[in-house]
Amino acid sequence: MNSWKITTLQYIRELNNSSDETIRFSNKSSKYGNGTADEEKQLTETLEASLKASKLRKKPSFGWCLCRVYGAKFLAGSFIKIIQDILLFMEPLILDKLLTFIKDKNQNITVGFFYTGLLFISSLIQSFVVQHYFHRMFIVGTRINTSIVNLIYKKNLRLLASAKKTTTVGEITNLVALDAHMLGELTNYLNILWSAPLQIIVAMILLWQYLGVASIIGVSTILIFIPLNIYIGTKTEKNLFSKFKYQDSRIKMMSEILYGIKIIKFYGWELSFKDIIGKIRTKELNYLKRMGLVYISSTFIWMLTSILIIVVSFGSFLLLNDSEKFTANVIFVSLSLFNILKVPLTVLPNIISLVISAKASLVRISTFLLKEEINKNEISNEDIPDVAVKCDNVDLAWDTTPFFKELNLEVKKGKLLAVVGSVGSGKSSLLSGLLGEMNKLNDGLINLNGHTAYVPQQAWIQNETVRNNILFGSPYDESFY
C-alpha cells in the first residue's frame, strides 16, 4: 500500500470515524450522479480557452482549469470541514466544565448530567459532520478522476504523429492508472493543508490558558525537525520522478513483448526479455525502497515529536510552577488538547508529501495535454458532387521534410479503390495524411465528403462482444447491419 493511502486511513481512524467506502465508476458517469460528463465537457472547454489565451502567458495551467470547474464543489466541502474543526474543540471545553463540577460538591447533579449529555451530543454531531465531509470530497475526487481519464483518452485520439513518437504506451497507462487517480485522491484531503495549521493554532491558544509558557516550550521542540522535514520532502519528489521514469519504461517494454510474443516464443527469446524486464524492475524497486524508507523515517519522527511535546510541556510546567497547580483540569484537558494536536502534527507532513506527488502527476498530465494535436481545419468536408475524396496540390510531411509533394488524388463516390505498393512505399502514410495525422506544409486542398471509417493495421479490440466491437457505442439497427 502506498504511503499516502496509509496516511489518509490513519487520519480517519484518528478521528474515530473509520469508513470503508468503495467507489465504482464508468467512463460515462460516476456512482454518485450523472454530472461527470458535463463536468468533463466543461473541463475540456476551460482547457481549450486556457490554451487560446496562452499566447499572453508562458504556459497554460491545467491546475487552474480544475479549480474553475470543481472549485465551488470543493469549497462547499471546506465549509463542512470548518464546522467539524469547531466541534472538535468543544470536547476539551466541556470536559473542563465537567471536571470543575466533580470538584464542587455543592452543585446540583443535573448539571453533571447536562455536561455529560452535551459531551455525547457534541461527539455524535462531529461524527456525522466528518463522515458527510469525506462523502462529499470522495464524490468530487471521483469526478475529477473520471474527467481526467476521459480527457486523456480523447487527447490520445487527437495526437499528431510527431507527438506520438514522444509518447509511450506505458506513459499513457500511468497517466490514467496513477496520475489521474492521485489527483482525485488529493481532493479528499487537500483541506488538511489549512485545517491542520488552524487546529494547531487554536490548540496552542487553549493550552496557553492551562500550561502558560510551558506549552510554548513544548511545541517549540517541533522547530528542531522542520529542516529535516524539508529535506525529506525534496528527496521524496526526486525519487518519485525517477520511479515514474522506470515505471513508464517497464510498461512500454511489457506492451511490446505482448505484441510480439509469437516471434519471441518462436526464437526462444523468453529469458533474454525476462532479464531486460528484470533490470528495469530492479531499478524501479530501488526507488520504491528509498521512498518507503523516507516515509518510515518521516512517520517515526513526527510520532516521536507528538510524545516529546507532551513530556517537555508537563516537565516545563512542573519546573516553572508549584505542584499544587498541576490539577486534574490541567492534566486531563491538556492531554485532550495534545491528542487533538497530535493528529495534525502526524498527518500534515504526510499530506505535504502527497501534495508533492500530486504536483508531479499534474506536471505529467499537463505536459501530455499540451502536445500537438491534429488540426481539423486542415481537412474540409464540402459536398463536392460525385467526389468522395479529393486532394489538390498538397504537401504532407511527418516532421518538416515533405513526404508527399504536390499530391493530387480524386476518388469518385461508390468506387472501390485499392492502393498497392511495396513495403515502405507510403500506403499507410497516404491514409494517415487523409485523416489529418500528417503535417500539412502548404495551402493545398484535402476534402473528405461525408463520414470516414478507418480500420488500422493494428486493430483495437475491446473486451466486449463481436456486436459491441462493431457498433462501438452506436445504436444497433438490425435492418442496416
Protein backbone atom coordinates (compact mmCIF):
# COMPACT_ATOMS: atom_id res chain seq x y z
CA MET A 1 0.00 0.00 0.00
CA ASN A 2 1.32 3.46 -0.87
CA SER A 3 2.35 5.81 1.92
CA TRP A 4 -0.28 8.42 1.15
CA LYS A 5 -3.04 5.77 1.36
CA ILE A 6 -1.80 4.70 4.80
CA THR A 7 -1.76 8.32 5.89
CA THR A 8 -5.32 9.10 4.90
CA LEU A 9 -6.69 5.93 6.52
CA GLN A 10 -4.76 6.79 9.64
CA TYR A 11 -6.29 10.27 9.65
CA ILE A 12 -9.83 8.87 9.57
CA ARG A 13 -9.05 6.41 12.35
CA GLU A 14 -7.57 9.20 14.47
CA LEU A 15 -10.97 10.90 14.31
CA ASN A 16 -12.64 7.62 15.40
CA ASN A 17 -14.67 7.68 12.24
CA SER A 18 -13.29 4.79 10.21
CA SER A 19 -15.01 4.25 6.88
CA ASP A 20 -14.53 1.68 4.13
CA GLU A 21 -16.11 3.09 1.03
CA THR A 22 -15.73 1.52 -2.40
CA ILE A 23 -16.11 3.85 -5.35
CA ARG A 24 -17.01 2.43 -8.71
CA PHE A 25 -17.42 4.47 -11.84
CA SER A 26 -17.54 4.02 -15.57
CA ASN A 27 -16.20 6.31 -18.25
CA LYS A 28 -19.66 7.82 -18.68
CA SER A 29 -20.79 8.72 -15.18
CA SER A 30 -19.95 8.08 -11.56
CA LYS A 31 -21.89 6.21 -8.96
CA TYR A 32 -22.87 9.46 -7.29
CA GLY A 33 -24.50 11.25 -10.18
CA ASN A 34 -24.67 11.96 -13.88
CA GLY A 35 -22.83 15.27 -13.75
CA THR A 36 -19.43 13.83 -14.67
CA ALA A 37 -19.97 14.00 -18.44
CA ASP A 38 -20.99 17.67 -18.26
CA GLU A 39 -18.08 18.45 -15.95
CA GLU A 40 -15.65 16.67 -18.29
CA LYS A 41 -17.03 18.74 -21.18
CA GLN A 42 -16.70 21.91 -19.10
CA LEU A 43 -13.15 20.94 -18.14
CA THR A 44 -12.30 20.42 -21.83
CA GLU A 45 -13.76 23.80 -22.80
CA THR A 46 -11.93 25.51 -19.94
CA LEU A 47 -8.65 23.92 -21.01
CA GLU A 48 -9.20 24.97 -24.64
CA ALA A 49 -9.92 28.55 -23.53
CA SER A 50 -6.75 28.47 -21.44
CA LEU A 51 -4.78 27.23 -24.47
CA LYS A 52 -6.13 30.07 -26.64
CA ALA A 53 -5.13 32.61 -24.00
CA SER A 54 -1.71 31.02 -23.53
CA LYS A 55 -0.16 33.42 -26.04
CA LEU A 56 -0.24 36.05 -23.31
CA ARG A 57 1.31 33.71 -20.75
CA LYS A 58 4.26 31.37 -20.68
CA LYS A 59 2.19 28.23 -20.25
CA PRO A 60 -1.49 27.39 -19.66
CA SER A 61 -2.34 25.93 -16.25
CA PHE A 62 -4.28 22.67 -16.07
CA GLY A 63 -4.46 23.03 -12.30
CA TRP A 64 -6.27 26.37 -12.70
CA CYS A 65 -8.75 24.68 -15.09
CA LEU A 66 -9.52 22.08 -12.41
CA CYS A 67 -10.07 24.85 -9.87
CA ARG A 68 -12.51 26.69 -12.15
CA VAL A 69 -14.59 23.57 -12.83
CA TYR A 70 -14.58 21.94 -9.38
CA GLY A 71 -13.75 24.89 -7.11
CA ALA A 72 -17.35 25.55 -5.95
CA LYS A 73 -17.97 21.90 -5.00
CA PHE A 74 -14.64 21.78 -3.19
CA LEU A 75 -15.35 24.97 -1.21
CA ALA A 76 -18.71 23.55 -0.11
CA GLY A 77 -16.82 20.65 1.47
CA SER A 78 -14.35 23.10 3.03
CA PHE A 79 -17.23 24.84 4.81
CA ILE A 80 -18.26 21.49 6.34
CA LYS A 81 -14.64 20.95 7.46
CA ILE A 82 -14.73 24.27 9.33
CA ILE A 83 -17.81 23.10 11.26
CA GLN A 84 -16.04 19.84 12.13
CA ASP A 85 -12.99 21.73 13.42
CA ILE A 86 -15.19 23.93 15.64
CA LEU A 87 -16.92 20.88 17.12
CA LEU A 88 -13.53 19.24 17.68
CA PHE A 89 -12.59 21.86 20.29
CA MET A 90 -15.93 21.73 22.05
CA GLU A 91 -14.96 18.48 23.79
CA PRO A 92 -11.98 19.86 25.83
CA LEU A 93 -14.05 22.87 26.93
CA ILE A 94 -16.97 20.67 28.04
CA LEU A 95 -14.52 18.31 29.76
CA ASP A 96 -13.13 21.25 31.74
CA LYS A 97 -16.65 22.15 32.93
CA LEU A 98 -17.32 18.52 33.85
CA LEU A 99 -14.12 18.26 35.95
CA THR A 100 -14.97 21.52 37.68
CA PHE A 101 -18.41 20.12 38.53
CA ILE A 102 -16.82 16.97 40.02
CA LYS A 103 -14.64 19.08 42.35
CA ASP A 104 -17.57 21.21 43.52
CA LYS A 105 -19.71 19.10 45.85
CA ASN A 106 -22.39 21.78 46.23
CA GLN A 107 -23.58 21.77 42.59
CA ASN A 108 -26.80 20.03 41.53
CA ILE A 109 -26.33 16.60 39.95
CA THR A 110 -28.45 17.67 36.96
CA VAL A 111 -25.58 19.96 35.93
CA GLY A 112 -23.31 16.92 35.67
CA PHE A 113 -25.87 15.06 33.57
CA PHE A 114 -26.18 18.13 31.34
CA TYR A 115 -22.42 18.33 30.70
CA THR A 116 -22.23 14.57 30.12
CA GLY A 117 -25.10 14.68 27.61
CA LEU A 118 -23.58 17.72 25.92
CA LEU A 119 -20.27 15.88 25.55
CA PHE A 120 -22.05 12.89 23.98
CA ILE A 121 -24.12 15.04 21.58
CA SER A 122 -21.04 17.03 20.55
CA SER A 123 -19.12 13.82 19.69
CA LEU A 124 -22.14 12.43 17.83
CA ILE A 125 -22.64 15.54 15.69
CA GLN A 126 -18.91 15.71 14.97
CA SER A 127 -19.00 12.10 13.76
CA PHE A 128 -21.88 12.82 11.37
CA VAL A 129 -20.25 16.02 10.08
CA VAL A 130 -16.85 14.46 9.37
CA GLN A 131 -18.42 11.49 7.58
CA HIS A 132 -20.52 13.83 5.44
CA TYR A 133 -17.38 15.84 4.66
CA PHE A 134 -15.47 12.77 3.45
CA HIS A 135 -18.52 11.62 1.47
CA ARG A 136 -18.70 14.93 -0.43
CA MET A 137 -14.95 15.02 -1.02
CA PHE A 138 -14.96 11.43 -2.33
CA ILE A 139 -17.63 12.46 -4.84
CA VAL A 140 -15.58 15.45 -6.06
CA GLY A 141 -12.40 13.35 -6.20
CA THR A 142 -14.10 10.59 -8.19
CA ARG A 143 -15.49 13.08 -10.70
CA ILE A 144 -12.09 14.72 -11.12
CA ASN A 145 -10.53 11.29 -11.70
CA THR A 146 -13.18 10.32 -14.26
CA SER A 147 -12.95 13.64 -16.11
CA ILE A 148 -9.14 13.49 -16.36
CA VAL A 149 -9.25 9.90 -17.64
CA ASN A 150 -11.77 10.90 -20.35
CA LEU A 151 -9.66 13.93 -21.24
CA ILE A 152 -6.50 11.81 -21.61
CA TYR A 153 -8.39 9.28 -23.76
CA LYS A 154 -9.74 11.96 -26.11
CA LYS A 155 -6.36 13.68 -26.27
CA ASN A 156 -4.69 10.41 -27.26
CA LEU A 157 -7.11 10.07 -30.19
CA ARG A 158 -6.21 13.57 -31.42
CA LEU A 159 -2.41 13.37 -31.06
CA LEU A 160 -0.33 14.32 -34.07
CA ALA A 161 2.02 11.65 -35.39
CA SER A 162 5.10 13.63 -34.35
CA ALA A 163 3.70 13.89 -30.80
CA LYS A 164 3.00 10.14 -30.68
CA LYS A 165 6.71 9.47 -31.21
CA THR A 166 7.46 11.07 -27.84
CA THR A 167 4.55 9.33 -26.06
CA THR A 168 4.80 5.71 -24.98
CA VAL A 169 2.04 3.27 -24.09
CA GLY A 170 3.49 2.98 -20.60
CA GLU A 171 3.30 6.73 -20.09
CA ILE A 172 -0.38 6.92 -21.06
CA THR A 173 -1.17 3.89 -18.88
CA ASN A 174 0.48 5.55 -15.89
CA LEU A 175 -1.32 8.82 -16.55
CA VAL A 176 -4.67 7.03 -16.36
CA ALA A 177 -3.93 4.47 -13.65
CA LEU A 178 -1.72 6.52 -11.31
CA ASP A 179 -1.60 10.24 -12.01
CA ALA A 180 -5.33 10.82 -12.57
CA HIS A 181 -6.10 8.68 -9.51
CA MET A 182 -3.57 10.63 -7.46
CA LEU A 183 -5.25 13.98 -8.26
CA GLY A 184 -8.65 12.52 -7.43
CA GLU A 185 -7.40 11.25 -4.06
CA LEU A 186 -5.71 14.57 -3.28
CA THR A 187 -9.09 16.33 -3.29
CA ASN A 188 -10.26 14.26 -0.33
CA TYR A 189 -7.51 15.53 1.95
CA LEU A 190 -6.40 18.87 0.48
CA ASN A 191 -8.32 20.80 3.17
CA ILE A 192 -5.92 19.42 5.77
CA LEU A 193 -3.31 21.91 4.48
CA TRP A 194 -5.26 24.78 6.11
CA SER A 195 -7.21 22.77 8.68
CA ALA A 196 -4.11 21.32 10.37
CA PRO A 197 -2.42 24.72 10.97
CA LEU A 198 -5.77 26.08 12.21
CA GLN A 199 -6.14 23.21 14.69
CA ILE A 200 -2.55 23.73 15.87
CA ILE A 201 -3.11 27.47 16.46
CA VAL A 202 -6.42 27.01 18.33
CA ALA A 203 -4.98 24.15 20.41
CA MET A 204 -1.98 26.32 21.33
CA ILE A 205 -4.24 29.20 22.43
CA LEU A 206 -6.23 26.86 24.69
CA LEU A 207 -3.07 25.18 26.01
CA TRP A 208 -1.68 28.61 26.94
CA GLN A 209 -4.62 29.08 29.29
CA TYR A 210 -3.77 25.87 31.18
CA LEU A 211 0.02 25.48 30.86
CA GLY A 212 1.17 29.03 30.09
CA VAL A 213 4.76 29.37 28.89
CA ALA A 214 5.27 25.60 29.23
CA SER A 215 3.01 25.00 26.21
CA ILE A 216 5.22 27.25 24.04
CA ILE A 217 8.36 25.47 25.25
CA GLY A 218 6.82 22.07 24.48
CA VAL A 219 5.58 22.91 20.99
CA SER A 220 8.80 24.75 20.10
CA THR A 221 10.55 21.37 20.03
CA ILE A 222 8.89 20.85 16.65
CA LEU A 223 11.20 23.52 15.17
CA ILE A 224 14.11 21.09 15.50
CA PHE A 225 12.57 18.76 12.92
CA ILE A 226 11.50 21.34 10.31
CA PRO A 227 14.80 21.34 8.31
CA LEU A 228 14.75 17.53 8.35
CA ASN A 229 11.18 17.51 7.03
CA ILE A 230 12.14 19.87 4.18
CA TYR A 231 15.00 17.54 3.24
CA ILE A 232 12.64 14.53 3.32
CA GLY A 233 10.15 16.32 1.04
CA THR A 234 12.88 17.12 -1.50
CA LYS A 235 14.11 13.51 -1.55
CA THR A 236 10.54 12.25 -1.96
CA GLU A 237 9.95 14.38 -5.05
CA LYS A 238 13.23 13.29 -6.69
CA ASN A 239 12.58 9.60 -6.01
CA LEU A 240 9.03 9.92 -7.32
CA PHE A 241 10.08 11.32 -10.70
CA SER A 242 12.76 8.62 -11.06
CA LYS A 243 10.24 5.90 -10.18
CA PHE A 244 7.80 7.21 -12.81
CA LYS A 245 10.57 7.14 -15.40
CA TYR A 246 11.41 3.45 -14.88
CA GLN A 247 7.75 2.55 -14.47
CA ASP A 248 6.99 4.01 -17.90
CA SER A 249 9.89 2.06 -19.41
CA ARG A 250 8.73 -1.21 -17.85
CA ILE A 251 5.13 -0.89 -19.04
CA LYS A 252 6.30 0.09 -22.53
CA MET A 253 8.57 -2.96 -22.72
CA MET A 254 5.82 -5.27 -21.44
CA SER A 255 3.43 -3.96 -24.11
CA GLU A 256 6.00 -4.56 -26.85
CA ILE A 257 6.69 -8.09 -25.55
CA LEU A 258 3.00 -8.98 -25.50
CA TYR A 259 2.56 -7.55 -29.00
CA GLY A 260 5.42 -9.65 -30.40
CA ILE A 261 5.02 -12.70 -28.17
CA LYS A 262 4.67 -15.03 -31.18
CA ILE A 263 8.12 -14.12 -32.53
CA ILE A 264 9.67 -14.22 -29.03
CA LYS A 265 8.33 -17.73 -28.43
CA PHE A 266 9.36 -18.86 -31.92
CA TYR A 267 13.02 -17.83 -31.45
CA GLY A 268 13.17 -18.77 -27.76
CA TRP A 269 13.97 -15.26 -26.53
CA GLU A 270 11.94 -15.52 -23.31
CA LEU A 271 14.90 -15.48 -20.90
CA SER A 272 16.59 -12.57 -22.69
CA PHE A 273 13.48 -10.38 -22.45
CA LYS A 274 12.91 -11.58 -18.89
CA ASP A 275 16.37 -10.24 -17.98
CA ILE A 276 15.59 -6.89 -19.66
CA ILE A 277 12.33 -6.52 -17.70
CA GLY A 278 14.09 -7.67 -14.52
CA LYS A 279 16.79 -4.97 -14.79
CA ILE A 280 14.21 -2.23 -15.28
CA ARG A 281 12.08 -3.58 -12.43
CA THR A 282 15.12 -3.76 -10.12
CA LYS A 283 15.84 -0.06 -10.68
CA GLU A 284 12.17 0.74 -10.09
CA LEU A 285 12.16 -1.30 -6.85
CA ASN A 286 15.26 0.54 -5.62
CA TYR A 287 13.40 3.84 -5.81
CA LEU A 288 10.32 2.26 -4.19
CA LYS A 289 12.51 1.10 -1.29
CA ARG A 290 14.01 4.58 -0.95
CA MET A 291 10.52 6.11 -0.85
CA GLY A 292 9.47 3.55 1.76
CA LEU A 293 12.47 4.35 3.97
CA VAL A 294 11.81 8.07 3.65
CA TYR A 295 8.16 7.55 4.62
CA ILE A 296 9.04 5.36 7.62
CA SER A 297 11.59 7.93 8.82
CA SER A 298 9.10 10.77 8.44
CA THR A 299 6.35 8.89 10.31
CA PHE A 300 8.69 7.89 13.16
CA ILE A 301 10.00 11.43 13.59
CA TRP A 302 6.57 13.00 13.77
CA MET A 303 5.15 10.36 16.11
CA LEU A 304 8.17 10.91 18.35
CA THR A 305 7.57 14.65 18.16
CA SER A 306 4.00 14.39 19.49
CA ILE A 307 5.18 12.38 22.54
CA LEU A 308 8.14 14.69 23.10
CA ILE A 309 5.86 17.74 23.12
CA ILE A 310 3.76 16.29 25.97
CA VAL A 311 6.81 15.33 28.05
CA VAL A 312 8.54 18.69 27.59
CA SER A 313 5.35 20.68 28.26
CA PHE A 314 4.44 18.92 31.52
CA GLY A 315 8.08 18.90 32.64
CA SER A 316 8.42 22.64 32.00
CA PHE A 317 5.13 23.32 33.81
CA LEU A 318 6.32 21.50 36.94
CA LEU A 319 9.64 23.36 36.87
CA LEU A 320 8.02 26.79 36.43
CA ASN A 321 5.06 26.31 38.80
CA ASP A 322 4.12 24.74 42.11
CA SER A 323 2.94 21.14 42.04
CA GLU A 324 -0.38 22.28 43.56
CA LYS A 325 -1.30 23.97 40.25
CA PHE A 326 -0.90 20.63 38.46
CA THR A 327 -4.62 19.85 38.93
CA ALA A 328 -6.91 17.35 37.23
CA ASN A 329 -8.30 20.10 35.00
CA VAL A 330 -4.81 20.98 33.79
CA ILE A 331 -3.79 17.35 33.25
CA PHE A 332 -6.86 15.92 31.51
CA VAL A 333 -7.82 18.99 29.45
CA SER A 334 -4.20 19.42 28.34
CA LEU A 335 -4.00 15.74 27.39
CA SER A 336 -7.23 16.15 25.39
CA LEU A 337 -5.77 19.15 23.58
CA PHE A 338 -2.49 17.30 22.98
CA ASN A 339 -4.47 14.42 21.43
CA ILE A 340 -6.11 16.94 19.08
CA LEU A 341 -2.70 18.45 18.37
CA LYS A 342 -1.18 15.02 17.64
CA VAL A 343 -3.44 14.43 14.59
CA PRO A 344 -2.37 17.49 12.52
CA LEU A 345 1.27 17.13 13.62
CA THR A 346 1.30 13.49 12.48
CA VAL A 347 -0.75 13.84 9.29
CA LEU A 348 0.39 17.23 7.97
CA PRO A 349 3.91 16.19 6.82
CA ASN A 350 2.48 13.15 5.02
CA ILE A 351 -0.19 15.27 3.34
CA ILE A 352 2.60 17.60 2.19
CA SER A 353 4.32 14.56 0.65
CA LEU A 354 1.02 13.70 -1.05
CA VAL A 355 0.77 17.23 -2.45
CA ILE A 356 4.33 16.92 -3.81
CA SER A 357 3.37 13.63 -5.50
CA ALA A 358 0.18 15.19 -6.89
CA LYS A 359 2.19 18.13 -8.21
CA ALA A 360 4.41 15.70 -10.12
CA SER A 361 1.29 13.99 -11.52
CA LEU A 362 -0.18 17.37 -12.51
CA VAL A 363 3.01 18.27 -14.39
CA ARG A 364 2.97 14.94 -16.27
CA ILE A 365 -0.70 15.29 -17.25
CA SER A 366 -0.23 18.94 -18.29
CA THR A 367 2.78 18.01 -20.44
CA PHE A 368 0.75 15.32 -22.20
CA LEU A 369 -2.28 17.56 -22.77
CA LEU A 370 -0.11 20.30 -24.30
CA LYS A 371 1.29 18.05 -27.03
CA GLU A 372 0.42 18.83 -30.65
CA GLU A 373 -2.97 17.76 -31.96
CA ILE A 374 -4.41 17.05 -35.38
CA ASN A 375 -5.69 20.28 -36.92
CA LYS A 376 -9.24 19.54 -38.07
CA ASN A 377 -9.36 22.79 -40.04
CA GLU A 378 -6.78 21.44 -42.49
CA ILE A 379 -9.34 18.94 -43.83
CA SER A 380 -12.58 20.28 -45.32
CA ASN A 381 -15.88 18.44 -45.61
CA GLU A 382 -17.51 20.18 -48.54
CA ASP A 383 -20.15 18.40 -50.59
CA ILE A 384 -18.46 18.05 -53.98
CA PRO A 385 -20.78 16.26 -56.48
CA ASP A 386 -19.76 12.64 -57.24
CA VAL A 387 -16.41 13.04 -55.40
CA ALA A 388 -15.76 11.24 -52.10
CA VAL A 389 -12.07 12.14 -51.60
CA LYS A 390 -10.14 14.95 -53.24
CA CYS A 391 -6.54 16.14 -52.78
CA ASP A 392 -5.26 19.10 -54.77
CA ASN A 393 -1.54 20.09 -54.69
CA VAL A 394 -0.97 19.04 -51.07
CA ASP A 395 2.43 18.79 -49.43
CA LEU A 396 2.41 16.39 -46.44
CA ALA A 397 5.20 15.51 -44.03
CA TRP A 398 5.75 13.58 -40.81
CA ASP A 399 8.01 16.34 -39.48
CA THR A 400 9.29 19.18 -41.71
CA THR A 401 10.64 17.25 -44.70
CA PRO A 402 7.91 16.72 -47.36
CA PHE A 403 6.91 13.06 -47.73
CA PHE A 404 4.21 13.77 -50.35
CA LYS A 405 4.81 16.73 -52.63
CA GLU A 406 2.04 18.26 -54.77
CA LEU A 407 -0.22 15.28 -54.10
CA ASN A 408 -3.27 15.12 -56.40
CA LEU A 409 -5.94 12.48 -55.81
CA GLU A 410 -9.61 12.13 -56.64
CA VAL A 411 -11.86 9.21 -55.62
CA LYS A 412 -15.37 9.02 -57.06
CA LYS A 413 -18.37 8.11 -54.94
CA GLY A 414 -19.35 4.44 -54.94
CA LYS A 415 -15.95 3.28 -56.25
CA LEU A 416 -13.69 0.66 -54.67
CA LEU A 417 -10.07 1.76 -54.78
CA ALA A 418 -7.01 -0.34 -53.83
CA VAL A 419 -3.65 1.31 -53.15
CA VAL A 420 -0.84 -1.20 -53.77
CA GLY A 421 2.92 -0.96 -53.45
CA SER A 422 5.99 -2.40 -51.78
CA VAL A 423 6.73 -2.17 -48.06
CA GLY A 424 7.62 1.39 -47.06
CA SER A 425 6.33 2.98 -50.27
CA GLY A 426 3.84 5.20 -48.38
CA LYS A 427 0.48 3.38 -48.48
CA SER A 428 -0.22 3.83 -44.76
CA SER A 429 1.18 7.36 -44.87
CA LEU A 430 -1.31 8.26 -47.60
CA LEU A 431 -4.22 7.14 -45.40
CA SER A 432 -2.73 8.95 -42.41
CA GLY A 433 -2.49 12.11 -44.48
CA LEU A 434 -6.16 11.85 -45.46
CA LEU A 435 -7.04 11.50 -41.77
CA GLY A 436 -5.05 14.64 -40.90
CA GLU A 437 -2.36 12.82 -38.91
CA MET A 438 0.47 14.26 -41.05
CA ASN A 439 1.71 17.84 -41.09
CA LYS A 440 0.25 19.90 -43.94
CA LEU A 441 3.01 22.18 -45.27
CA ASN A 442 1.09 24.29 -47.79
CA ASP A 443 -2.39 25.59 -48.62
CA GLY A 444 -3.36 22.57 -50.70
CA LEU A 445 -6.86 21.08 -50.51
CA ILE A 446 -7.89 17.89 -48.70
CA ASN A 447 -11.63 17.29 -48.85
CA LEU A 448 -13.49 14.28 -47.42
CA ASN A 449 -17.14 14.19 -48.41
CA GLY A 450 -19.27 12.65 -45.63
CA HIS A 451 -18.17 10.36 -42.79
CA THR A 452 -14.95 8.34 -42.75
CA ALA A 453 -14.40 4.82 -41.41
CA TYR A 454 -10.82 3.67 -40.91
CA VAL A 455 -9.63 0.18 -39.93
CA PRO A 456 -5.92 0.33 -39.00
CA GLN A 457 -3.34 -2.43 -39.32
CA GLN A 458 -3.22 -2.73 -35.53
CA ALA A 459 -6.88 -3.19 -34.66
CA TRP A 460 -8.16 -2.11 -31.27
CA ILE A 461 -10.40 -4.89 -29.96
CA GLN A 462 -12.39 -4.15 -26.83
CA ASN A 463 -13.12 -6.73 -24.16
CA GLU A 464 -16.68 -6.92 -25.47
CA THR A 465 -18.86 -9.00 -27.79
CA VAL A 466 -18.38 -9.01 -31.56
CA ARG A 467 -21.52 -6.87 -31.93
CA ASN A 468 -20.28 -4.21 -29.48
CA ASN A 469 -16.88 -4.11 -31.20
CA ILE A 470 -18.67 -3.35 -34.48
CA LEU A 471 -21.17 -0.88 -33.05
CA PHE A 472 -18.56 0.90 -30.88
CA GLY A 473 -21.23 2.64 -28.84
CA SER A 474 -23.66 3.34 -31.67
CA PRO A 475 -27.27 2.09 -31.51
CA TYR A 476 -27.98 -1.29 -33.17
CA ASP A 477 -30.03 -1.04 -36.38
CA GLU A 478 -30.85 -4.62 -37.38
CA SER A 479 -32.05 -3.78 -40.89
CA PHE A 480 -28.93 -1.70 -41.61
CA TYR A 481 -26.36 -4.19 -40.30
